[in-house]
C-alpha cells in the first residue's frame, strides 16, 4: 500500500499564493494590453474628430457665404429697383 503525503496548511497556502500570483500577472498583462488598445483607439478617434471638425468648418463657411450672398443680392435688388 502506498502512502500519499498529506498536505499541510502551509502547502495549501503556498499553492493558493502561487495561483493568486499567476492571476495577478495575467491581470497586469491584460491591463497593459488594454491600455495600449485604448490609447490606439483614442488616437484614431482624435484623428477622425479632427477630420470631421475640419469638414464641418468648411461647410459652415460655405453656408455662411451662401446666406450672405443671397442677402446681398436681395438687398441689391430692393435698393436698385
Protein backbone atom coordinates (compact mmCIF):
# COMPACT_ATOMS: atom_id res chain seq x y z
CA UNK A 1 0.00 0.00 0.00
CA UNK A 2 1.41 3.38 -0.99
CA UNK A 3 1.08 6.29 1.31
CA UNK A 4 0.07 9.67 -0.01
CA UNK A 5 1.79 12.63 1.51
CA UNK A 6 -0.59 14.73 3.48
CA UNK A 7 -0.83 18.36 2.59
CA UNK A 8 -0.26 20.74 5.40
CA UNK A 9 -1.90 24.10 5.74
CA UNK A 10 1.38 25.67 4.68
CA UNK A 11 1.43 23.62 1.45
CA UNK A 12 -2.14 24.61 0.63
CA UNK A 13 -1.41 28.29 1.31
CA UNK A 14 1.69 28.15 -0.89
CA UNK A 15 -0.41 26.71 -3.73
CA UNK A 16 -3.04 29.40 -3.24
CA UNK A 17 -0.33 32.06 -3.16
CA UNK A 18 1.22 30.76 -6.38
CA UNK A 19 -2.14 30.66 -8.14
CA UNK A 20 -3.01 34.16 -7.00
CA UNK A 21 0.39 35.37 -8.20
CA UNK A 22 -0.28 33.88 -11.63
CA UNK A 23 -3.71 35.52 -11.75
CA UNK A 24 -2.19 38.88 -10.77
CA UNK A 25 0.44 38.58 -13.52
CA UNK A 26 -2.24 37.73 -16.07
CA UNK A 27 -4.31 40.71 -14.97
CA UNK A 28 -1.32 43.03 -15.24
CA UNK A 29 -0.59 41.77 -18.74
CA UNK A 30 -4.24 42.20 -19.71
CA UNK A 31 -4.29 45.70 -18.24
CA UNK A 32 -1.20 46.68 -20.23
CA UNK A 33 -2.73 45.24 -23.40
CA UNK A 34 -5.99 47.09 -22.81
CA UNK A 35 -4.17 50.34 -22.08
CA UNK A 36 -2.31 50.06 -25.37
CA UNK A 37 -5.51 49.26 -27.22
CA UNK A 38 -7.36 52.17 -25.61
CA UNK A 39 -4.54 54.58 -26.48
CA UNK A 40 -4.61 53.40 -30.10
CA UNK A 41 -8.39 53.79 -30.33
CA UNK A 42 -8.18 57.20 -28.65
CA UNK A 43 -5.62 58.37 -31.21
CA UNK A 44 -7.80 57.12 -34.08
CA UNK A 45 -10.84 58.81 -32.58
CA UNK A 46 -8.96 62.10 -32.20
CA UNK A 47 -7.90 61.90 -35.84
CA UNK A 48 -11.46 61.23 -37.03
CA UNK A 49 -12.87 64.03 -34.86
CA UNK A 50 -10.26 66.42 -36.24
CA UNK A 51 -11.18 65.48 -39.81
CA UNK A 52 -14.90 65.89 -39.10
CA UNK A 53 -14.27 69.23 -37.40
CA UNK A 54 -12.36 70.50 -40.43
CA UNK A 55 -15.13 69.28 -42.74
CA UNK A 56 -17.78 70.97 -40.57
CA UNK A 57 -15.81 74.23 -40.58
CA UNK A 58 -15.64 74.13 -44.38
CA UNK A 59 -19.37 73.50 -44.71
CA UNK A 60 -20.17 76.21 -42.15
CA UNK A 61 -18.13 78.76 -44.09
CA UNK A 62 -19.87 77.71 -47.30
CA UNK A 63 -23.34 78.11 -45.75
CA UNK A 64 -22.49 81.49 -44.24
CA UNK A 65 -21.12 82.61 -47.61
CA UNK A 66 -24.28 81.50 -49.40
CA UNK A 67 -26.52 83.26 -46.87
CA UNK A 68 -24.53 86.48 -47.16
CA UNK A 69 -24.51 86.30 -50.95
CA UNK A 70 -28.27 85.78 -51.08
CA UNK A 71 -28.83 88.59 -48.58
CA UNK A 72 -26.62 90.97 -50.57
CA UNK A 73 -28.39 90.07 -53.80
CA UNK A 74 -31.81 90.61 -52.20
CA UNK A 75 -30.74 93.96 -50.73
CA UNK A 76 -29.24 94.94 -54.06
CA UNK A 77 -32.50 94.08 -55.83
CA UNK A 78 -34.53 96.16 -53.35
CA UNK A 79 -32.20 99.15 -53.43
CA UNK A 80 -31.71 99.21 -57.22
CA UNK A 81 -35.37 98.74 -58.05
